[in-house]
Amino acid sequence: IAQWGYGLNVGVGELGVRSDELGVYPNPATN
């Protein structure tokens, strides 16, 4: 998934944030 804001040509995860800096679990989730 990606997001572009009005007038911006960047994707999700922009501005130097590394993808290994975030964990979301469990996936799939129940509660």
mmCIF file of all heavy atoms, coordinates in Angstrom:
data_MODEL
# 
_entry.id   MODEL 
# 
loop_
_atom_site.group_PDB 
_atom_site.id 
_atom_site.type_symbol 
_atom_site.label_atom_id 
_atom_site.label_alt_id 
_atom_site.label_comp_id 
_atom_site.label_asym_id 
_atom_site.label_entity_id 
_atom_site.label_seq_id 
_atom_site.pdbx_PDB_ins_code 
_atom_site.Cartn_x 
_atom_site.Cartn_y 
_atom_site.Cartn_z 
_atom_site.occupancy 
_atom_site.B_iso_or_equiv 
_atom_site.pdbx_formal_charge 
_atom_site.auth_seq_id 
_atom_site.auth_comp_id 
_atom_site.auth_asym_id 
_atom_site.auth_atom_id 
_atom_site.pdbx_PDB_model_num 
ATOM 1   N N   . ILE A 1 1  ? 0.851   -1.190  0.000  1.00 0.00 ? 1  ILE A N   1 
ATOM 2   C CA  . ILE A 1 1  ? 0.000   0.000   0.000  1.00 0.00 ? 1  ILE A CA  1 
ATOM 3   C C   . ILE A 1 1  ? 0.885   1.239   0.000  1.00 0.00 ? 1  ILE A C   1 
ATOM 4   O O   . ILE A 1 1  ? 1.960   1.245   0.587  1.00 0.00 ? 1  ILE A O   1 
ATOM 5   C CB  . ILE A 1 1  ? -0.979  0.026   1.187  1.00 0.00 ? 1  ILE A CB  1 
ATOM 6   C CG1 . ILE A 1 1  ? -1.965  1.178   1.011  1.00 0.00 ? 1  ILE A CG1 1 
ATOM 7   C CG2 . ILE A 1 1  ? -0.260  0.090   2.508  1.00 0.00 ? 1  ILE A CG2 1 
ATOM 8   C CD1 . ILE A 1 1  ? -3.182  1.071   1.894  1.00 0.00 ? 1  ILE A CD1 1 
ATOM 9   N N   . ALA A 1 2  ? 0.408   2.274   -0.712 1.00 0.00 ? 2  ALA A N   1 
ATOM 10  C CA  . ALA A 1 2  ? 1.142   3.536   -0.755 1.00 0.00 ? 2  ALA A CA  1 
ATOM 11  C C   . ALA A 1 2  ? 0.154   4.679   -0.650 1.00 0.00 ? 2  ALA A C   1 
ATOM 12  O O   . ALA A 1 2  ? -1.036  4.523   -0.933 1.00 0.00 ? 2  ALA A O   1 
ATOM 13  C CB  . ALA A 1 2  ? 1.942   3.651   -2.047 1.00 0.00 ? 2  ALA A CB  1 
ATOM 14  N N   . GLN A 1 3  ? 0.665   5.809   -0.253 1.00 0.00 ? 3  GLN A N   1 
ATOM 15  C CA  . GLN A 1 3  ? -0.159  7.009   -0.141 1.00 0.00 ? 3  GLN A CA  1 
ATOM 16  C C   . GLN A 1 3  ? 0.612   8.174   -0.738 1.00 0.00 ? 3  GLN A C   1 
ATOM 17  O O   . GLN A 1 3  ? 1.791   8.347   -0.488 1.00 0.00 ? 3  GLN A O   1 
ATOM 18  C CB  . GLN A 1 3  ? -0.460  7.315   1.319  1.00 0.00 ? 3  GLN A CB  1 
ATOM 19  C CG  . GLN A 1 3  ? -1.144  8.649   1.517  1.00 0.00 ? 3  GLN A CG  1 
ATOM 20  C CD  . GLN A 1 3  ? -1.162  9.068   2.970  1.00 0.00 ? 3  GLN A CD  1 
ATOM 21  O OE1 . GLN A 1 3  ? -0.857  8.284   3.846  1.00 0.00 ? 3  GLN A OE1 1 
ATOM 22  N NE2 . GLN A 1 3  ? -1.510  10.301  3.217  1.00 0.00 ? 3  GLN A NE2 1 
ATOM 23  N N   . TRP A 1 4  ? -0.087  8.951   -1.534 1.00 0.00 ? 4  TRP A N   1 
ATOM 24  C CA  . TRP A 1 4  ? 0.469   10.195  -2.029 1.00 0.00 ? 4  TRP A CA  1 
ATOM 25  C C   . TRP A 1 4  ? -0.429  11.312  -1.541 1.00 0.00 ? 4  TRP A C   1 
ATOM 26  O O   . TRP A 1 4  ? -1.649  11.236  -1.671 1.00 0.00 ? 4  TRP A O   1 
ATOM 27  C CB  . TRP A 1 4  ? 0.522   10.216  -3.555 1.00 0.00 ? 4  TRP A CB  1 
ATOM 28  C CG  . TRP A 1 4  ? 1.631   9.396   -4.121 1.00 0.00 ? 4  TRP A CG  1 
ATOM 29  C CD1 . TRP A 1 4  ? 2.920   9.788   -4.325 1.00 0.00 ? 4  TRP A CD1 1 
ATOM 30  C CD2 . TRP A 1 4  ? 1.572   8.049   -4.584 1.00 0.00 ? 4  TRP A CD2 1 
ATOM 31  N NE1 . TRP A 1 4  ? 3.657   8.770   -4.876 1.00 0.00 ? 4  TRP A NE1 1 
ATOM 32  C CE2 . TRP A 1 4  ? 2.845   7.689   -5.050 1.00 0.00 ? 4  TRP A CE2 1 
ATOM 33  C CE3 . TRP A 1 4  ? 0.546   7.094   -4.646 1.00 0.00 ? 4  TRP A CE3 1 
ATOM 34  C CZ2 . TRP A 1 4  ? 3.133   6.437   -5.571 1.00 0.00 ? 4  TRP A CZ2 1 
ATOM 35  C CZ3 . TRP A 1 4  ? 0.836   5.856   -5.159 1.00 0.00 ? 4  TRP A CZ3 1 
ATOM 36  C CH2 . TRP A 1 4  ? 2.116   5.531   -5.608 1.00 0.00 ? 4  TRP A CH2 1 
ATOM 37  N N   . GLY A 1 5  ? 0.167   12.350  -0.983 1.00 0.00 ? 5  GLY A N   1 
ATOM 38  C CA  . GLY A 1 5  ? -0.587  13.521  -0.546 1.00 0.00 ? 5  GLY A CA  1 
ATOM 39  C C   . GLY A 1 5  ? -0.669  14.532  -1.660 1.00 0.00 ? 5  GLY A C   1 
ATOM 40  O O   . GLY A 1 5  ? 0.100   14.503  -2.618 1.00 0.00 ? 5  GLY A O   1 
ATOM 41  N N   . TYR A 1 6  ? -1.595  15.445  -1.544 1.00 0.00 ? 6  TYR A N   1 
ATOM 42  C CA  . TYR A 1 6  ? -1.791  16.469  -2.559 1.00 0.00 ? 6  TYR A CA  1 
ATOM 43  C C   . TYR A 1 6  ? -0.496  17.224  -2.807 1.00 0.00 ? 6  TYR A C   1 
ATOM 44  O O   . TYR A 1 6  ? 0.095   17.784  -1.890 1.00 0.00 ? 6  TYR A O   1 
ATOM 45  C CB  . TYR A 1 6  ? -2.887  17.447  -2.111 1.00 0.00 ? 6  TYR A CB  1 
ATOM 46  C CG  . TYR A 1 6  ? -3.127  18.556  -3.096 1.00 0.00 ? 6  TYR A CG  1 
ATOM 47  C CD1 . TYR A 1 6  ? -3.833  18.306  -4.264 1.00 0.00 ? 6  TYR A CD1 1 
ATOM 48  C CD2 . TYR A 1 6  ? -2.627  19.823  -2.867 1.00 0.00 ? 6  TYR A CD2 1 
ATOM 49  C CE1 . TYR A 1 6  ? -4.051  19.309  -5.180 1.00 0.00 ? 6  TYR A CE1 1 
ATOM 50  C CE2 . TYR A 1 6  ? -2.844  20.830  -3.783 1.00 0.00 ? 6  TYR A CE2 1 
ATOM 51  C CZ  . TYR A 1 6  ? -3.554  20.578  -4.940 1.00 0.00 ? 6  TYR A CZ  1 
ATOM 52  O OH  . TYR A 1 6  ? -3.757  21.567  -5.841 1.00 0.00 ? 6  TYR A OH  1 
ATOM 53  N N   . GLY A 1 7  ? -0.025  17.207  -4.029 1.00 0.00 ? 7  GLY A N   1 
ATOM 54  C CA  . GLY A 1 7  ? 1.191   17.919  -4.387 1.00 0.00 ? 7  GLY A CA  1 
ATOM 55  C C   . GLY A 1 7  ? 2.471   17.196  -4.008 1.00 0.00 ? 7  GLY A C   1 
ATOM 56  O O   . GLY A 1 7  ? 3.553   17.688  -4.274 1.00 0.00 ? 7  GLY A O   1 
ATOM 57  N N   . LEU A 1 8  ? 2.370   16.032  -3.384 1.00 0.00 ? 8  LEU A N   1 
ATOM 58  C CA  . LEU A 1 8  ? 3.560   15.287  -2.983 1.00 0.00 ? 8  LEU A CA  1 
ATOM 59  C C   . LEU A 1 8  ? 3.718   14.069  -3.867 1.00 0.00 ? 8  LEU A C   1 
ATOM 60  O O   . LEU A 1 8  ? 2.765   13.389  -4.174 1.00 0.00 ? 8  LEU A O   1 
ATOM 61  C CB  . LEU A 1 8  ? 3.455   14.836  -1.519 1.00 0.00 ? 8  LEU A CB  1 
ATOM 62  C CG  . LEU A 1 8  ? 3.306   15.945  -0.492 1.00 0.00 ? 8  LEU A CG  1 
ATOM 63  C CD1 . LEU A 1 8  ? 3.092   15.328  0.880  1.00 0.00 ? 8  LEU A CD1 1 
ATOM 64  C CD2 . LEU A 1 8  ? 4.521   16.844  -0.480 1.00 0.00 ? 8  LEU A CD2 1 
ATOM 65  N N   . ASN A 1 9  ? 4.933   13.768  -4.259 1.00 0.00 ? 9  ASN A N   1 
ATOM 66  C CA  . ASN A 1 9  ? 5.193   12.601  -5.075 1.00 0.00 ? 9  ASN A CA  1 
ATOM 67  C C   . ASN A 1 9  ? 6.092   11.633  -4.333 1.00 0.00 ? 9  ASN A C   1 
ATOM 68  O O   . ASN A 1 9  ? 7.184   11.311  -4.764 1.00 0.00 ? 9  ASN A O   1 
ATOM 69  C CB  . ASN A 1 9  ? 5.843   13.022  -6.409 1.00 0.00 ? 9  ASN A CB  1 
ATOM 70  C CG  . ASN A 1 9  ? 4.870   13.754  -7.281 1.00 0.00 ? 9  ASN A CG  1 
ATOM 71  O OD1 . ASN A 1 9  ? 3.687   13.447  -7.286 1.00 0.00 ? 9  ASN A OD1 1 
ATOM 72  N ND2 . ASN A 1 9  ? 5.347   14.724  -8.023 1.00 0.00 ? 9  ASN A ND2 1 
ATOM 73  N N   . VAL A 1 10 ? 5.624   11.205  -3.158 1.00 0.00 ? 10 VAL A N   1 
ATOM 74  C CA  . VAL A 1 10 ? 6.387   10.256  -2.362 1.00 0.00 ? 10 VAL A CA  1 
ATOM 75  C C   . VAL A 1 10 ? 5.487   9.113   -1.950 1.00 0.00 ? 10 VAL A C   1 
ATOM 76  O O   . VAL A 1 10 ? 4.276   9.246   -1.888 1.00 0.00 ? 10 VAL A O   1 
ATOM 77  C CB  . VAL A 1 10 ? 7.000   10.910  -1.101 1.00 0.00 ? 10 VAL A CB  1 
ATOM 78  C CG1 . VAL A 1 10 ? 8.019   11.942  -1.488 1.00 0.00 ? 10 VAL A CG1 1 
ATOM 79  C CG2 . VAL A 1 10 ? 5.939   11.519  -0.225 1.00 0.00 ? 10 VAL A CG2 1 
ATOM 80  N N   . GLY A 1 11 ? 6.072   7.985   -1.660 1.00 0.00 ? 11 GLY A N   1 
ATOM 81  C CA  . GLY A 1 11 ? 5.304   6.829   -1.241 1.00 0.00 ? 11 GLY A CA  1 
ATOM 82  C C   . GLY A 1 11 ? 5.346   6.648   0.262  1.00 0.00 ? 11 GLY A C   1 
ATOM 83  O O   . GLY A 1 11 ? 5.985   7.395   0.989  1.00 0.00 ? 11 GLY A O   1 
ATOM 84  N N   . VAL A 1 12 ? 4.677   5.613   0.733  1.00 0.00 ? 12 VAL A N   1 
ATOM 85  C CA  . VAL A 1 12 ? 4.670   5.293   2.145  1.00 0.00 ? 12 VAL A CA  1 
ATOM 86  C C   . VAL A 1 12 ? 6.073   4.874   2.555  1.00 0.00 ? 12 VAL A C   1 
ATOM 87  O O   . VAL A 1 12 ? 6.779   4.205   1.836  1.00 0.00 ? 12 VAL A O   1 
ATOM 88  C CB  . VAL A 1 12 ? 3.661   4.166   2.409  1.00 0.00 ? 12 VAL A CB  1 
ATOM 89  C CG1 . VAL A 1 12 ? 3.753   3.678   3.831  1.00 0.00 ? 12 VAL A CG1 1 
ATOM 90  C CG2 . VAL A 1 12 ? 2.270   4.650   2.086  1.00 0.00 ? 12 VAL A CG2 1 
ATOM 91  N N   . GLY A 1 13 ? 6.477   5.259   3.746  1.00 0.00 ? 13 GLY A N   1 
ATOM 92  C CA  . GLY A 1 13 ? 7.812   4.931   4.228  1.00 0.00 ? 13 GLY A CA  1 
ATOM 93  C C   . GLY A 1 13 ? 8.825   5.976   3.803  1.00 0.00 ? 13 GLY A C   1 
ATOM 94  O O   . GLY A 1 13 ? 9.995   5.710   3.756  1.00 0.00 ? 13 GLY A O   1 
ATOM 95  N N   . GLU A 1 14 ? 8.362   7.168   3.485  1.00 0.00 ? 14 GLU A N   1 
ATOM 96  C CA  . GLU A 1 14 ? 9.247   8.210   3.010  1.00 0.00 ? 14 GLU A CA  1 
ATOM 97  C C   . GLU A 1 14 ? 10.025  8.852   4.150  1.00 0.00 ? 14 GLU A C   1 
ATOM 98  O O   . GLU A 1 14 ? 9.847   8.527   5.300  1.00 0.00 ? 14 GLU A O   1 
ATOM 99  C CB  . GLU A 1 14 ? 8.456   9.280   2.249  1.00 0.00 ? 14 GLU A CB  1 
ATOM 100 C CG  . GLU A 1 14 ? 7.513   10.089  3.094  1.00 0.00 ? 14 GLU A CG  1 
ATOM 101 C CD  . GLU A 1 14 ? 6.146   9.490   3.213  1.00 0.00 ? 14 GLU A CD  1 
ATOM 102 O OE1 . GLU A 1 14 ? 5.965   8.313   2.959  1.00 0.00 ? 14 GLU A OE1 1 
ATOM 103 O OE2 . GLU A 1 14 ? 5.249   10.220  3.588  1.00 0.00 ? 14 GLU A OE2 1 
ATOM 104 N N   . LEU A 1 15 ? 10.875  9.797   3.799  1.00 0.00 ? 15 LEU A N   1 
ATOM 105 C CA  . LEU A 1 15 ? 11.598  10.658  4.729  1.00 0.00 ? 15 LEU A CA  1 
ATOM 106 C C   . LEU A 1 15 ? 12.593  9.912   5.606  1.00 0.00 ? 15 LEU A C   1 
ATOM 107 O O   . LEU A 1 15 ? 12.833  10.285  6.742  1.00 0.00 ? 15 LEU A O   1 
ATOM 108 C CB  . LEU A 1 15 ? 10.621  11.462  5.611  1.00 0.00 ? 15 LEU A CB  1 
ATOM 109 C CG  . LEU A 1 15 ? 9.589   12.289  4.866  1.00 0.00 ? 15 LEU A CG  1 
ATOM 110 C CD1 . LEU A 1 15 ? 8.644   12.944  5.857  1.00 0.00 ? 15 LEU A CD1 1 
ATOM 111 C CD2 . LEU A 1 15 ? 10.243  13.324  3.987  1.00 0.00 ? 15 LEU A CD2 1 
ATOM 112 N N   . GLY A 1 16 ? 13.192  8.845   5.100  1.00 0.00 ? 16 GLY A N   1 
ATOM 113 C CA  . GLY A 1 16 ? 14.292  8.211   5.787  1.00 0.00 ? 16 GLY A CA  1 
ATOM 114 C C   . GLY A 1 16 ? 13.938  7.234   6.889  1.00 0.00 ? 16 GLY A C   1 
ATOM 115 O O   . GLY A 1 16 ? 14.800  6.812   7.628  1.00 0.00 ? 16 GLY A O   1 
ATOM 116 N N   . VAL A 1 17 ? 12.695  6.849   7.034  1.00 0.00 ? 17 VAL A N   1 
ATOM 117 C CA  . VAL A 1 17 ? 12.331  5.868   8.043  1.00 0.00 ? 17 VAL A CA  1 
ATOM 118 C C   . VAL A 1 17 ? 12.547  4.477   7.452  1.00 0.00 ? 17 VAL A C   1 
ATOM 119 O O   . VAL A 1 17 ? 12.079  4.177   6.369  1.00 0.00 ? 17 VAL A O   1 
ATOM 120 C CB  . VAL A 1 17 ? 10.856  6.027   8.478  1.00 0.00 ? 17 VAL A CB  1 
ATOM 121 C CG1 . VAL A 1 17 ? 10.513  5.014   9.552  1.00 0.00 ? 17 VAL A CG1 1 
ATOM 122 C CG2 . VAL A 1 17 ? 10.596  7.431   8.961  1.00 0.00 ? 17 VAL A CG2 1 
ATOM 123 N N   . ARG A 1 18 ? 13.256  3.630   8.168  1.00 0.00 ? 18 ARG A N   1 
ATOM 124 C CA  . ARG A 1 18 ? 13.504  2.278   7.673  1.00 0.00 ? 18 ARG A CA  1 
ATOM 125 C C   . ARG A 1 18 ? 12.353  1.365   8.080  1.00 0.00 ? 18 ARG A C   1 
ATOM 126 O O   . ARG A 1 18 ? 11.789  1.497   9.166  1.00 0.00 ? 18 ARG A O   1 
ATOM 127 C CB  . ARG A 1 18 ? 14.813  1.749   8.242  1.00 0.00 ? 18 ARG A CB  1 
ATOM 128 C CG  . ARG A 1 18 ? 16.016  2.498   7.739  1.00 0.00 ? 18 ARG A CG  1 
ATOM 129 C CD  . ARG A 1 18 ? 17.317  1.815   8.113  1.00 0.00 ? 18 ARG A CD  1 
ATOM 130 N NE  . ARG A 1 18 ? 17.208  0.888   9.221  1.00 0.00 ? 18 ARG A NE  1 
ATOM 131 C CZ  . ARG A 1 18 ? 17.813  1.045   10.385 1.00 0.00 ? 18 ARG A CZ  1 
ATOM 132 N NH1 . ARG A 1 18 ? 18.561  2.085   10.620 1.00 0.00 ? 18 ARG A NH1 1 
ATOM 133 N NH2 . ARG A 1 18 ? 17.678  0.141   11.337 1.00 0.00 ? 18 ARG A NH2 1 
ATOM 134 N N   . SER A 1 19 ? 12.024  0.401   7.220  1.00 0.00 ? 19 SER A N   1 
ATOM 135 C CA  . SER A 1 19 ? 10.896  -0.492  7.485  1.00 0.00 ? 19 SER A CA  1 
ATOM 136 C C   . SER A 1 19 ? 11.129  -1.400  8.685  1.00 0.00 ? 19 SER A C   1 
ATOM 137 O O   . SER A 1 19 ? 10.176  -1.885  9.285  1.00 0.00 ? 19 SER A O   1 
ATOM 138 C CB  . SER A 1 19 ? 10.577  -1.322  6.245  1.00 0.00 ? 19 SER A CB  1 
ATOM 139 O OG  . SER A 1 19 ? 11.671  -2.146  5.920  1.00 0.00 ? 19 SER A OG  1 
ATOM 140 N N   . ASP A 1 20 ? 12.385  -1.633  9.071  1.00 0.00 ? 20 ASP A N   1 
ATOM 141 C CA  . ASP A 1 20 ? 12.651  -2.480  10.240 1.00 0.00 ? 20 ASP A CA  1 
ATOM 142 C C   . ASP A 1 20 ? 12.476  -1.726  11.557 1.00 0.00 ? 20 ASP A C   1 
ATOM 143 O O   . ASP A 1 20 ? 12.683  -2.274  12.627 1.00 0.00 ? 20 ASP A O   1 
ATOM 144 C CB  . ASP A 1 20 ? 14.037  -3.108  10.152 1.00 0.00 ? 20 ASP A CB  1 
ATOM 145 C CG  . ASP A 1 20 ? 15.174  -2.096  10.241 1.00 0.00 ? 20 ASP A CG  1 
ATOM 146 O OD1 . ASP A 1 20 ? 14.912  -0.875  10.148 1.00 0.00 ? 20 ASP A OD1 1 
ATOM 147 O OD2 . ASP A 1 20 ? 16.326  -2.530  10.393 1.00 0.00 ? 20 ASP A OD2 1 
ATOM 148 N N   . GLU A 1 21 ? 12.073  -0.459  11.491 1.00 0.00 ? 21 GLU A N   1 
ATOM 149 C CA  . GLU A 1 21 ? 11.866  0.338   12.699 1.00 0.00 ? 21 GLU A CA  1 
ATOM 150 C C   . GLU A 1 21 ? 10.459  0.193   13.262 1.00 0.00 ? 21 GLU A C   1 
ATOM 151 O O   . GLU A 1 21 ? 10.117  0.842   14.243 1.00 0.00 ? 21 GLU A O   1 
ATOM 152 C CB  . GLU A 1 21 ? 12.169  1.816   12.420 1.00 0.00 ? 21 GLU A CB  1 
ATOM 153 C CG  . GLU A 1 21 ? 13.627  2.068   12.142 1.00 0.00 ? 21 GLU A CG  1 
ATOM 154 C CD  . GLU A 1 21 ? 13.949  3.534   11.955 1.00 0.00 ? 21 GLU A CD  1 
ATOM 155 O OE1 . GLU A 1 21 ? 13.253  4.385   12.531 1.00 0.00 ? 21 GLU A OE1 1 
ATOM 156 O OE2 . GLU A 1 21 ? 14.916  3.822   11.242 1.00 0.00 ? 21 GLU A OE2 1 
ATOM 157 N N   . LEU A 1 22 ? 9.632   -0.651  12.651 1.00 0.00 ? 22 LEU A N   1 
ATOM 158 C CA  . LEU A 1 22 ? 8.255   -0.819  13.100 1.00 0.00 ? 22 LEU A CA  1 
ATOM 159 C C   . LEU A 1 22 ? 7.843   -2.273  13.001 1.00 0.00 ? 22 LEU A C   1 
ATOM 160 O O   . LEU A 1 22 ? 8.022   -2.911  11.972 1.00 0.00 ? 22 LEU A O   1 
ATOM 161 C CB  . LEU A 1 22 ? 7.309   0.028   12.235 1.00 0.00 ? 22 LEU A CB  1 
ATOM 162 C CG  . LEU A 1 22 ? 5.809   -0.154  12.469 1.00 0.00 ? 22 LEU A CG  1 
ATOM 163 C CD1 . LEU A 1 22 ? 5.413   0.328   13.859 1.00 0.00 ? 22 LEU A CD1 1 
ATOM 164 C CD2 . LEU A 1 22 ? 5.018   0.590   11.415 1.00 0.00 ? 22 LEU A CD2 1 
ATOM 165 N N   . GLY A 1 23 ? 7.266   -2.786  14.094 1.00 0.00 ? 23 GLY A N   1 
ATOM 166 C CA  . GLY A 1 23 ? 6.692   -4.120  14.090 1.00 0.00 ? 23 GLY A CA  1 
ATOM 167 C C   . GLY A 1 23 ? 5.246   -4.041  14.540 1.00 0.00 ? 23 GLY A C   1 
ATOM 168 O O   . GLY A 1 23 ? 4.924   -3.327  15.499 1.00 0.00 ? 23 GLY A O   1 
ATOM 169 N N   . VAL A 1 24 ? 4.366   -4.714  13.827 1.00 0.00 ? 24 VAL A N   1 
ATOM 170 C CA  . VAL A 1 24 ? 2.956   -4.806  14.209 1.00 0.00 ? 24 VAL A CA  1 
ATOM 171 C C   . VAL A 1 24 ? 2.604   -6.280  14.210 1.00 0.00 ? 24 VAL A C   1 
ATOM 172 O O   . VAL A 1 24 ? 2.694   -6.945  13.176 1.00 0.00 ? 24 VAL A O   1 
ATOM 173 C CB  . VAL A 1 24 ? 2.046   -4.023  13.240 1.00 0.00 ? 24 VAL A CB  1 
ATOM 174 C CG1 . VAL A 1 24 ? 0.595   -4.140  13.670 1.00 0.00 ? 24 VAL A CG1 1 
ATOM 175 C CG2 . VAL A 1 24 ? 2.449   -2.561  13.174 1.00 0.00 ? 24 VAL A CG2 1 
ATOM 176 N N   . TYR A 1 25 ? 2.199   -6.801  15.359 1.00 0.00 ? 25 TYR A N   1 
ATOM 177 C CA  . TYR A 1 25 ? 1.923   -8.230  15.466 1.00 0.00 ? 25 TYR A CA  1 
ATOM 178 C C   . TYR A 1 25 ? 0.885   -8.488  16.542 1.00 0.00 ? 25 TYR A C   1 
ATOM 179 O O   . TYR A 1 25 ? 0.664   -7.629  17.393 1.00 0.00 ? 25 TYR A O   1 
ATOM 180 C CB  . TYR A 1 25 ? 3.232   -8.997  15.750 1.00 0.00 ? 25 TYR A CB  1 
ATOM 181 C CG  . TYR A 1 25 ? 3.995   -8.491  16.946 1.00 0.00 ? 25 TYR A CG  1 
ATOM 182 C CD1 . TYR A 1 25 ? 3.726   -8.984  18.227 1.00 0.00 ? 25 TYR A CD1 1 
ATOM 183 C CD2 . TYR A 1 25 ? 4.979   -7.513  16.815 1.00 0.00 ? 25 TYR A CD2 1 
ATOM 184 C CE1 . TYR A 1 25 ? 4.423   -8.527  19.337 1.00 0.00 ? 25 TYR A CE1 1 
ATOM 185 C CE2 . TYR A 1 25 ? 5.685   -7.050  17.928 1.00 0.00 ? 25 TYR A CE2 1 
ATOM 186 C CZ  . TYR A 1 25 ? 5.398   -7.560  19.170 1.00 0.00 ? 25 TYR A CZ  1 
ATOM 187 O OH  . TYR A 1 25 ? 6.082   -7.106  20.267 1.00 0.00 ? 25 TYR A OH  1 
ATOM 188 N N   . PRO A 1 26 ? 0.206   -9.636  16.548 1.00 0.00 ? 26 PRO A N   1 
ATOM 189 C CA  . PRO A 1 26 ? 0.250   -10.665 15.506 1.00 0.00 ? 26 PRO A CA  1 
ATOM 190 C C   . PRO A 1 26 ? -0.521  -10.201 14.269 1.00 0.00 ? 26 PRO A C   1 
ATOM 191 O O   . PRO A 1 26 ? -1.346  -9.303  14.347 1.00 0.00 ? 26 PRO A O   1 
ATOM 192 C CB  . PRO A 1 26 ? -0.450  -11.858 16.155 1.00 0.00 ? 26 PRO A CB  1 
ATOM 193 C CG  . PRO A 1 26 ? -1.425  -11.238 17.118 1.00 0.00 ? 26 PRO A CG  1 
ATOM 194 C CD  . PRO A 1 26 ? -0.756  -9.980  17.610 1.00 0.00 ? 26 PRO A CD  1 
ATOM 195 N N   . ASN A 1 27 ? -0.258  -10.829 13.175 1.00 0.00 ? 27 ASN A N   1 
ATOM 196 C CA  . ASN A 1 27 ? -0.962  -10.534 11.933 1.00 0.00 ? 27 ASN A CA  1 
ATOM 197 C C   . ASN A 1 27 ? -1.100  -11.831 11.144 1.00 0.00 ? 27 ASN A C   1 
ATOM 198 O O   . ASN A 1 27 ? -0.096  -12.360 10.702 1.00 0.00 ? 27 ASN A O   1 
ATOM 199 C CB  . ASN A 1 27 ? -0.202  -9.495  11.123 1.00 0.00 ? 27 ASN A CB  1 
ATOM 200 C CG  . ASN A 1 27 ? -1.038  -8.916  10.008 1.00 0.00 ? 27 ASN A CG  1 
ATOM 201 O OD1 . ASN A 1 27 ? -2.233  -9.117  9.936  1.00 0.00 ? 27 ASN A OD1 1 
ATOM 202 N ND2 . ASN A 1 27 ? -0.377  -8.203  9.124  1.00 0.00 ? 27 ASN A ND2 1 
ATOM 203 N N   . PRO A 1 28 ? -2.312  -12.350 11.019 1.00 0.00 ? 28 PRO A N   1 
ATOM 204 C CA  . PRO A 1 28 ? -3.605  -11.773 11.392 1.00 0.00 ? 28 PRO A CA  1 
ATOM 205 C C   . PRO A 1 28 ? -3.800  -11.733 12.907 1.00 0.00 ? 28 PRO A C   1 
ATOM 206 O O   . PRO A 1 28 ? -3.175  -12.472 13.646 1.00 0.00 ? 28 PRO A O   1 
ATOM 207 C CB  . PRO A 1 28 ? -4.631  -12.681 10.735 1.00 0.00 ? 28 PRO A CB  1 
ATOM 208 C CG  . PRO A 1 28 ? -3.923  -13.940 10.401 1.00 0.00 ? 28 PRO A CG  1 
ATOM 209 C CD  . PRO A 1 28 ? -2.467  -13.616 10.311 1.00 0.00 ? 28 PRO A CD  1 
ATOM 210 N N   . ALA A 1 29 ? -4.688  -10.829 13.332 1.00 0.00 ? 29 ALA A N   1 
ATOM 211 C CA  . ALA A 1 29 ? -4.961  -10.605 14.749 1.00 0.00 ? 29 ALA A CA  1 
ATOM 212 C C   . ALA A 1 29 ? -6.409  -10.944 15.073 1.00 0.00 ? 29 ALA A C   1 
ATOM 213 O O   . ALA A 1 29 ? -7.252  -11.012 14.182 1.00 0.00 ? 29 ALA A O   1 
ATOM 214 C CB  . ALA A 1 29 ? -4.673  -9.146  15.095 1.00 0.00 ? 29 ALA A CB  1 
ATOM 215 N N   . THR A 1 30 ? -6.682  -11.138 16.368 1.00 0.00 ? 30 THR A N   1 
ATOM 216 C CA  . THR A 1 30 ? -8.058  -11.410 16.789 1.00 0.00 ? 30 THR A CA  1 
ATOM 217 C C   . THR A 1 30 ? -8.551  -10.423 17.837 1.00 0.00 ? 30 THR A C   1 
ATOM 218 O O   . THR A 1 30 ? -9.609  -9.846  17.691 1.00 0.00 ? 30 THR A O   1 
ATOM 219 C CB  . THR A 1 30 ? -8.203  -12.842 17.334 1.00 0.00 ? 30 THR A CB  1 
ATOM 220 O OG1 . THR A 1 30 ? -7.232  -13.036 18.361 1.00 0.00 ? 30 THR A OG1 1 
ATOM 221 C CG2 . THR A 1 30 ? -8.032  -13.873 16.242 1.00 0.00 ? 30 THR A CG2 1 
ATOM 222 N N   . ASN A 1 31 ? -7.794  -10.202 18.910 1.00 0.00 ? 31 ASN A N   1 
ATOM 223 C CA  . ASN A 1 31 ? -8.247  -9.356  20.007 1.00 0.00 ? 31 ASN A CA  1 
ATOM 224 C C   . ASN A 1 31 ? -7.432  -8.087  20.211 1.00 0.00 ? 31 ASN A C   1 
ATOM 225 O O   . ASN A 1 31 ? -7.972  -7.055  20.567 1.00 0.00 ? 31 ASN A O   1 
ATOM 226 C CB  . ASN A 1 31 ? -8.260  -10.141 21.321 1.00 0.00 ? 31 ASN A CB  1 
ATOM 227 C CG  . ASN A 1 31 ? -9.252  -11.269 21.277 1.00 0.00 ? 31 ASN A CG  1 
ATOM 228 O OD1 . ASN A 1 31 ? -10.341 -11.102 20.757 1.00 0.00 ? 31 ASN A OD1 1 
ATOM 229 N ND2 . ASN A 1 31 ? -8.867  -12.422 21.795 1.00 0.00 ? 31 ASN A ND2 1 
# 
